[in-house]
Amino acid sequence: MCVGVPMKVVEINYPMAVAEAKGVRRNISIMLLPEDEVKVGDYVIVHVGNAIEIIDEKDAEEIWKVLDEVMAILDEEEG
């Protein structure tokens, strides 16, 4: 299964950026998005270290809500 997660861009040094989610920061590539479209503060979907789409904050929050629910179910099944 492939999963892309929402992250907030906190620093840009094209073609790379630093993005953060849930207190974790990662270096990501933004090469797949137009250089002048990604801004600090934007939310992006990150898949395998690459930003693949810009989304709004509301969508990022909704995606994390669902991902957290899925992780809770998986934790219950393992526990």
PDB file of N, CA and C in Angstrom:
ATOM      1  N   MET A   1       0.843  -1.166   0.000  1.00  0.00           N
ATOM      2  CA  MET A   1       0.000   0.000   0.000  1.00  0.00           C
ATOM      3  C   MET A   1       0.894   1.237   0.000  1.00  0.00           C
ATOM      4  N   CYS A   2       0.540   2.209  -0.802  1.00  0.00           N
ATOM      5  CA  CYS A   2       1.274   3.468  -0.860  1.00  0.00           C
ATOM      6  C   CYS A   2       0.512   4.522  -0.073  1.00  0.00           C
ATOM      7  N   VAL A   3       1.232   5.260   0.744  1.00  0.00           N
ATOM      8  CA  VAL A   3       0.589   6.293   1.553  1.00  0.00           C
ATOM      9  C   VAL A   3       1.357   7.595   1.404  1.00  0.00           C
ATOM     10  N   GLY A   4       0.634   8.651   1.139  1.00  0.00           N
ATOM     11  CA  GLY A   4       1.205   9.991   1.157  1.00  0.00           C
ATOM     12  C   GLY A   4       0.682  10.684   2.397  1.00  0.00           C
ATOM     13  N   VAL A   5       1.534  11.414   3.073  1.00  0.00           N
ATOM     14  CA  VAL A   5       1.109  12.089   4.305  1.00  0.00           C
ATOM     15  C   VAL A   5       1.220  13.602   4.140  1.00  0.00           C
ATOM     16  N   PRO A   6       0.313  14.328   4.775  1.00  0.00           N
ATOM     17  CA  PRO A   6       0.384  15.781   4.713  1.00  0.00           C
ATOM     18  C   PRO A   6       1.481  16.309   5.633  1.00  0.00           C
ATOM     19  N   MET A   7       2.229  17.273   5.130  1.00  0.00           N
ATOM     20  CA  MET A   7       3.262  17.929   5.923  1.00  0.00           C
ATOM     21  C   MET A   7       3.250  19.417   5.595  1.00  0.00           C
ATOM     22  N   LYS A   8       3.653  20.209   6.573  1.00  0.00           N
ATOM     23  CA  LYS A   8       3.720  21.659   6.387  1.00  0.00           C
ATOM     24  C   LYS A   8       5.143  22.060   6.023  1.00  0.00           C
ATOM     25  N   VAL A   9       5.290  22.822   4.958  1.00  0.00           N
ATOM     26  CA  VAL A   9       6.605  23.285   4.520  1.00  0.00           C
ATOM     27  C   VAL A   9       7.068  24.402   5.461  1.00  0.00           C
ATOM     28  N   VAL A  10       8.247  24.220   6.061  1.00  0.00           N
ATOM     29  CA  VAL A  10       8.762  25.213   7.003  1.00  0.00           C
ATOM     30  C   VAL A  10      10.022  25.915   6.497  1.00  0.00           C
ATOM     31  N   GLU A  11      10.621  25.371   5.443  1.00  0.00           N
ATOM     32  CA  GLU A  11      11.843  25.969   4.884  1.00  0.00           C
ATOM     33  C   GLU A  11      11.992  25.485   3.444  1.00  0.00           C
ATOM     34  N   ILE A  12      12.430  26.380   2.571  1.00  0.00           N
ATOM     35  CA  ILE A  12      12.628  26.006   1.163  1.00  0.00           C
ATOM     36  C   ILE A  12      14.017  26.405   0.710  1.00  0.00           C
ATOM     37  N   ASN A  13      14.688  25.464   0.069  1.00  0.00           N
ATOM     38  CA  ASN A  13      15.945  25.698  -0.613  1.00  0.00           C
ATOM     39  C   ASN A  13      15.882  24.861  -1.883  1.00  0.00           C
ATOM     40  N   TYR A  14      15.100  25.351  -2.856  1.00  0.00           N
ATOM     41  CA  TYR A  14      14.755  24.574  -4.052  1.00  0.00           C
ATOM     42  C   TYR A  14      15.982  23.902  -4.652  1.00  0.00           C
ATOM     43  N   PRO A  15      15.903  22.627  -4.937  1.00  0.00           N
ATOM     44  CA  PRO A  15      14.742  21.762  -5.093  1.00  0.00           C
ATOM     45  C   PRO A  15      14.374  20.972  -3.839  1.00  0.00           C
ATOM     46  N   MET A  16      14.893  21.357  -2.703  1.00  0.00           N
ATOM     47  CA  MET A  16      14.592  20.661  -1.452  1.00  0.00           C
ATOM     48  C   MET A  16      13.817  21.592  -0.526  1.00  0.00           C
ATOM     49  N   ALA A  17      13.208  20.987   0.480  1.00  0.00           N
ATOM     50  CA  ALA A  17      12.497  21.754   1.501  1.00  0.00           C
ATOM     51  C   ALA A  17      12.556  20.964   2.802  1.00  0.00           C
ATOM     52  N   VAL A  18      12.234  21.639   3.884  1.00  0.00           N
ATOM     53  CA  VAL A  18      12.049  20.977   5.168  1.00  0.00           C
ATOM     54  C   VAL A  18      10.554  21.058   5.453  1.00  0.00           C
ATOM     55  N   ALA A  19       9.969  19.910   5.790  1.00  0.00           N
ATOM     56  CA  ALA A  19       8.544  19.856   6.088  1.00  0.00           C
ATOM     57  C   ALA A  19       8.358  19.211   7.452  1.00  0.00           C
ATOM     58  N   GLU A  20       7.248  19.549   8.091  1.00  0.00           N
ATOM     59  CA  GLU A  20       7.001  19.068   9.454  1.00  0.00           C
ATOM     60  C   GLU A  20       5.585  18.511   9.569  1.00  0.00           C
ATOM     61  N   ALA A  21       5.472  17.439  10.333  1.00  0.00           N
ATOM     62  CA  ALA A  21       4.173  16.863  10.673  1.00  0.00           C
ATOM     63  C   ALA A  21       4.284  16.214  12.040  1.00  0.00           C
ATOM     64  N   LYS A  22       3.361  16.563  12.908  1.00  0.00           N
ATOM     65  CA  LYS A  22       3.311  15.963  14.247  1.00  0.00           C
ATOM     66  C   LYS A  22       4.643  16.082  14.986  1.00  0.00           C
ATOM     67  N   GLY A  23       5.316  17.213  14.810  1.00  0.00           N
ATOM     68  CA  GLY A  23       6.558  17.478  15.514  1.00  0.00           C
ATOM     69  C   GLY A  23       7.796  16.856  14.889  1.00  0.00           C
ATOM     70  N   VAL A  24       7.637  16.158  13.780  1.00  0.00           N
ATOM     71  CA  VAL A  24       8.767  15.521  13.100  1.00  0.00           C
ATOM     72  C   VAL A  24       9.088  16.317  11.839  1.00  0.00           C
ATOM     73  N   ARG A  25      10.355  16.654  11.680  1.00  0.00           N
ATOM     74  CA  ARG A  25      10.802  17.375  10.481  1.00  0.00           C
ATOM     75  C   ARG A  25      11.576  16.431   9.571  1.00  0.00           C
ATOM     76  N   ARG A  26      11.333  16.620   8.268  1.00  0.00           N
ATOM     77  CA  ARG A  26      12.010  15.807   7.266  1.00  0.00           C
ATOM     78  C   ARG A  26      12.447  16.679   6.104  1.00  0.00           C
ATOM     79  N   ASN A  27      13.585  16.311   5.513  1.00  0.00           N
ATOM     80  CA  ASN A  27      13.986  16.927   4.254  1.00  0.00           C
ATOM     81  C   ASN A  27      13.197  16.243   3.156  1.00  0.00           C
ATOM     82  N   ILE A  28      12.583  17.036   2.291  1.00  0.00           N
ATOM     83  CA  ILE A  28      11.799  16.481   1.198  1.00  0.00           C
ATOM     84  C   ILE A  28      12.200  17.157  -0.111  1.00  0.00           C
ATOM     85  N   SER A  29      11.924  16.477  -1.189  1.00  0.00           N
ATOM     86  CA  SER A  29      12.134  17.064  -2.506  1.00  0.00           C
ATOM     87  C   SER A  29      10.843  17.735  -2.952  1.00  0.00           C
ATOM     88  N   ILE A  30      10.977  18.926  -3.530  1.00  0.00           N
ATOM     89  CA  ILE A  30       9.809  19.601  -4.097  1.00  0.00           C
ATOM     90  C   ILE A  30       9.962  19.729  -5.617  1.00  0.00           C
ATOM     91  N   MET A  31      10.849  18.936  -6.191  1.00  0.00           N
ATOM     92  CA  MET A  31      11.121  18.990  -7.629  1.00  0.00           C
ATOM     93  C   MET A  31       9.911  18.630  -8.486  1.00  0.00           C
ATOM     94  N   LEU A  32       8.974  17.853  -7.961  1.00  0.00           N
ATOM     95  CA  LEU A  32       7.819  17.436  -8.742  1.00  0.00           C
ATOM     96  C   LEU A  32       6.735  18.517  -8.820  1.00  0.00           C
ATOM     97  N   LEU A  33       6.924  19.601  -8.075  1.00  0.00           N
ATOM     98  CA  LEU A  33       5.982  20.720  -8.095  1.00  0.00           C
ATOM     99  C   LEU A  33       6.658  21.929  -8.726  1.00  0.00           C
ATOM    100  N   PRO A  34       5.879  22.792  -9.391  1.00  0.00           N
ATOM    101  CA  PRO A  34       6.485  23.986  -9.985  1.00  0.00           C
ATOM    102  C   PRO A  34       7.208  24.833  -8.934  1.00  0.00           C
ATOM    103  N   GLU A  35       8.411  25.268  -9.257  1.00  0.00           N
ATOM    104  CA  GLU A  35       9.281  25.964  -8.300  1.00  0.00           C
ATOM    105  C   GLU A  35       8.597  27.152  -7.634  1.00  0.00           C
ATOM    106  N   ASP A  36       7.855  27.930  -8.386  1.00  0.00           N
ATOM    107  CA  ASP A  36       7.281  29.150  -7.822  1.00  0.00           C
ATOM    108  C   ASP A  36       5.930  28.932  -7.140  1.00  0.00           C
ATOM    109  N   GLU A  37       5.447  27.689  -7.067  1.00  0.00           N
ATOM    110  CA  GLU A  37       4.149  27.429  -6.440  1.00  0.00           C
ATOM    111  C   GLU A  37       4.251  27.084  -4.967  1.00  0.00           C
ATOM    112  N   VAL A  38       5.303  26.426  -4.543  1.00  0.00           N
ATOM    113  CA  VAL A  38       5.422  25.996  -3.151  1.00  0.00           C
ATOM    114  C   VAL A  38       5.963  27.142  -2.307  1.00  0.00           C
ATOM    115  N   LYS A  39       5.261  27.443  -1.226  1.00  0.00           N
ATOM    116  CA  LYS A  39       5.658  28.526  -0.322  1.00  0.00           C
ATOM    117  C   LYS A  39       5.790  27.983   1.099  1.00  0.00           C
ATOM    118  N   VAL A  40       6.617  28.631   1.909  1.00  0.00           N
ATOM    119  CA  VAL A  40       6.691  28.294   3.332  1.00  0.00           C
ATOM    120  C   VAL A  40       5.293  28.476   3.911  1.00  0.00           C
ATOM    121  N   GLY A  41       4.851  27.507   4.679  1.00  0.00           N
ATOM    122  CA  GLY A  41       3.512  27.537   5.265  1.00  0.00           C
ATOM    123  C   GLY A  41       2.506  26.699   4.501  1.00  0.00           C
ATOM    124  N   ASP A  42       2.836  26.308   3.260  1.00  0.00           N
ATOM    125  CA  ASP A  42       1.948  25.445   2.483  1.00  0.00           C
ATOM    126  C   ASP A  42       1.948  24.040   3.062  1.00  0.00           C
ATOM    127  N   TYR A  43       0.846  23.359   2.838  1.00  0.00           N
ATOM    128  CA  TYR A  43       0.754  21.943   3.164  1.00  0.00           C
ATOM    129  C   TYR A  43       0.898  21.162   1.878  1.00  0.00           C
ATOM    130  N   VAL A  44       1.668  20.086   1.942  1.00  0.00           N
ATOM    131  CA  VAL A  44       1.897  19.241   0.773  1.00  0.00           C
ATOM    132  C   VAL A  44       1.684  17.785   1.161  1.00  0.00           C
ATOM    133  N   ILE A  45       1.327  16.985   0.165  1.00  0.00           N
ATOM    134  CA  ILE A  45       1.288  15.537   0.362  1.00  0.00           C
ATOM    135  C   ILE A  45       2.677  15.021   0.020  1.00  0.00           C
ATOM    136  N   VAL A  46       3.271  14.271   0.954  1.00  0.00           N
ATOM    137  CA  VAL A  46       4.622  13.738   0.770  1.00  0.00           C
ATOM    138  C   VAL A  46       4.535  12.224   0.627  1.00  0.00           C
ATOM    139  N   HIS A  47       5.123  11.745  -0.451  1.00  0.00           N
ATOM    140  CA  HIS A  47       5.170  10.304  -0.729  1.00  0.00           C
ATOM    141  C   HIS A  47       6.610   9.941  -1.070  1.00  0.00           C
ATOM    142  N   VAL A  48       7.179   9.038  -0.304  1.00  0.00           N
ATOM    143  CA  VAL A  48       8.547   8.560  -0.500  1.00  0.00           C
ATOM    144  C   VAL A  48       9.519   9.743  -0.596  1.00  0.00           C
ATOM    145  N   GLY A  49       9.337  10.730   0.287  1.00  0.00           N
ATOM    146  CA  GLY A  49      10.257  11.858   0.350  1.00  0.00           C
ATOM    147  C   GLY A  49      10.051  12.933  -0.690  1.00  0.00           C
ATOM    148  N   ASN A  50       8.976  12.823  -1.483  1.00  0.00           N
ATOM    149  CA  ASN A  50       8.702  13.798  -2.531  1.00  0.00           C
ATOM    150  C   ASN A  50       7.348  14.460  -2.310  1.00  0.00           C
ATOM    151  N   ALA A  51       7.320  15.782  -2.366  1.00  0.00           N
ATOM    152  CA  ALA A  51       6.048  16.486  -2.331  1.00  0.00           C
ATOM    153  C   ALA A  51       5.388  16.276  -3.683  1.00  0.00           C
ATOM    154  N   ILE A  52       4.144  15.772  -3.668  1.00  0.00           N
ATOM    155  CA  ILE A  52       3.479  15.452  -4.930  1.00  0.00           C
ATOM    156  C   ILE A  52       2.247  16.313  -5.180  1.00  0.00           C
ATOM    157  N   GLU A  53       1.799  17.058  -4.161  1.00  0.00           N
ATOM    158  CA  GLU A  53       0.610  17.882  -4.330  1.00  0.00           C
ATOM    159  C   GLU A  53       0.543  18.919  -3.214  1.00  0.00           C
ATOM    160  N   ILE A  54       0.075  20.109  -3.534  1.00  0.00           N
ATOM    161  CA  ILE A  54      -0.181  21.140  -2.533  1.00  0.00           C
ATOM    162  C   ILE A  54      -1.645  21.023  -2.136  1.00  0.00           C
ATOM    163  N   ILE A  55      -1.911  21.033  -0.833  1.00  0.00           N
ATOM    164  CA  ILE A  55      -3.285  20.958  -0.333  1.00  0.00           C
ATOM    165  C   ILE A  55      -3.518  22.074   0.667  1.00  0.00           C
ATOM    166  N   ASP A  56      -4.769  22.289   1.052  1.00  0.00           N
ATOM    167  CA  ASP A  56      -5.027  23.322   2.049  1.00  0.00           C
ATOM    168  C   ASP A  56      -4.979  22.717   3.459  1.00  0.00           C
ATOM    169  N   GLU A  57      -4.912  23.590   4.445  1.00  0.00           N
ATOM    170  CA  GLU A  57      -4.746  23.152   5.832  1.00  0.00           C
ATOM    171  C   GLU A  57      -5.907  22.267   6.292  1.00  0.00           C
ATOM    172  N   LYS A  58      -7.120  22.610   5.888  1.00  0.00           N
ATOM    173  CA  LYS A  58      -8.293  21.827   6.284  1.00  0.00           C
ATOM    174  C   LYS A  58      -8.172  20.392   5.778  1.00  0.00           C
ATOM    175  N   ASP A  59      -7.777  20.231   4.518  1.00  0.00           N
ATOM    176  CA  ASP A  59      -7.601  18.883   3.973  1.00  0.00           C
ATOM    177  C   ASP A  59      -6.498  18.131   4.710  1.00  0.00           C
ATOM    178  N   ALA A  60      -5.413  18.816   5.048  1.00  0.00           N
ATOM    179  CA  ALA A  60      -4.319  18.174   5.788  1.00  0.00           C
ATOM    180  C   ALA A  60      -4.816  17.661   7.136  1.00  0.00           C
ATOM    181  N   GLU A  61      -5.604  18.473   7.828  1.00  0.00           N
ATOM    182  CA  GLU A  61      -6.139  18.057   9.133  1.00  0.00           C
ATOM    183  C   GLU A  61      -7.071  16.862   8.996  1.00  0.00           C
ATOM    184  N   GLU A  62      -7.912  16.861   7.962  1.00  0.00           N
ATOM    185  CA  GLU A  62      -8.838  15.746   7.750  1.00  0.00           C
ATOM    186  C   GLU A  62      -8.088  14.459   7.431  1.00  0.00           C
ATOM    187  N   ILE A  63      -7.048  14.568   6.617  1.00  0.00           N
ATOM    188  CA  ILE A  63      -6.249  13.384   6.277  1.00  0.00           C
ATOM    189  C   ILE A  63      -5.581  12.824   7.524  1.00  0.00           C
ATOM    190  N   TRP A  64      -4.998  13.692   8.356  1.00  0.00           N
ATOM    191  CA  TRP A  64      -4.356  13.211   9.578  1.00  0.00           C
ATOM    192  C   TRP A  64      -5.356  12.571  10.526  1.00  0.00           C
ATOM    193  N   LYS A  65      -6.571  13.109  10.571  1.00  0.00           N
ATOM    194  CA  LYS A  65      -7.607  12.510  11.421  1.00  0.00           C
ATOM    195  C   LYS A  65      -7.853  11.064  11.001  1.00  0.00           C
ATOM    196  N   VAL A  66      -8.006  10.837   9.695  1.00  0.00           N
ATOM    197  CA  VAL A  66      -8.248   9.484   9.193  1.00  0.00           C
ATOM    198  C   VAL A  66      -7.024   8.593   9.424  1.00  0.00           C
ATOM    199  N   LEU A  67      -5.829   9.098   9.147  1.00  0.00           N
ATOM    200  CA  LEU A  67      -4.618   8.300   9.371  1.00  0.00           C
ATOM    201  C   LEU A  67      -4.473   7.917  10.843  1.00  0.00           C
ATOM    202  N   ASP A  68      -4.782   8.837  11.753  1.00  0.00           N
ATOM    203  CA  ASP A  68      -4.718   8.536  13.188  1.00  0.00           C
ATOM    204  C   ASP A  68      -5.728   7.447  13.561  1.00  0.00           C
ATOM    205  N   GLU A  69      -6.925   7.503  12.962  1.00  0.00           N
ATOM    206  CA  GLU A  69      -7.931   6.474  13.225  1.00  0.00           C
ATOM    207  C   GLU A  69      -7.462   5.111  12.730  1.00  0.00           C
ATOM    208  N   VAL A  70      -6.875   5.074  11.549  1.00  0.00           N
ATOM    209  CA  VAL A  70      -6.361   3.815  11.002  1.00  0.00           C
ATOM    210  C   VAL A  70      -5.247   3.263  11.900  1.00  0.00           C
ATOM    211  N   MET A  71      -4.340   4.127  12.320  1.00  0.00           N
ATOM    212  CA  MET A  71      -3.242   3.673  13.185  1.00  0.00           C
ATOM    213  C   MET A  71      -3.782   3.145  14.520  1.00  0.00           C
ATOM    214  N   ALA A  72      -4.812   3.770  15.067  1.00  0.00           N
ATOM    215  CA  ALA A  72      -5.402   3.291  16.321  1.00  0.00           C
ATOM    216  C   ALA A  72      -5.999   1.898  16.146  1.00  0.00           C
ATOM    217  N   ILE A  73      -6.661   1.675  15.016  1.00  0.00           N
ATOM    218  CA  ILE A  73      -7.233   0.346  14.743  1.00  0.00           C
ATOM    219  C   ILE A  73      -6.120  -0.683  14.613  1.00  0.00           C
ATOM    220  N   LEU A  74      -5.071  -0.344  13.897  1.00  0.00           N
ATOM    221  CA  LEU A  74      -3.954  -1.285  13.738  1.00  0.00           C
ATOM    222  C   LEU A  74      -3.285  -1.580  15.076  1.00  0.00           C
ATOM    223  N   ASP A  75      -3.138  -0.560  15.913  1.00  0.00           N
ATOM    224  CA  ASP A  75      -2.547  -0.775  17.241  1.00  0.00           C
ATOM    225  C   ASP A  75      -3.413  -1.713  18.075  1.00  0.00           C
ATOM    226  N   GLU A  76      -4.748  -1.570  17.990  1.00  0.00           N
ATOM    227  CA  GLU A  76      -5.656  -2.442  18.730  1.00  0.00           C
ATOM    228  C   GLU A  76      -5.520  -3.884  18.259  1.00  0.00           C
ATOM    229  N   GLU A  77      -5.390  -4.063  16.944  1.00  0.00           N
ATOM    230  CA  GLU A  77      -5.263  -5.420  16.401  1.00  0.00           C
ATOM    231  C   GLU A  77      -3.967  -6.081  16.834  1.00  0.00           C
ATOM    232  N   GLU A  78      -2.902  -5.288  16.972  1.00  0.00           N
ATOM    233  CA  GLU A  78      -1.600  -5.840  17.383  1.00  0.00           C
ATOM    234  C   GLU A  78      -1.556  -6.088  18.890  1.00  0.00           C
ATOM    235  N   GLY A  79      -2.294  -5.272  19.658  1.00  0.00           N
ATOM    236  CA  GLY A  79      -2.210  -5.287  21.105  1.00  0.00           C
ATOM    237  C   GLY A  79      -2.882  -6.417  21.743  1.00  0.00           C
TER     238      GLY A  79
END
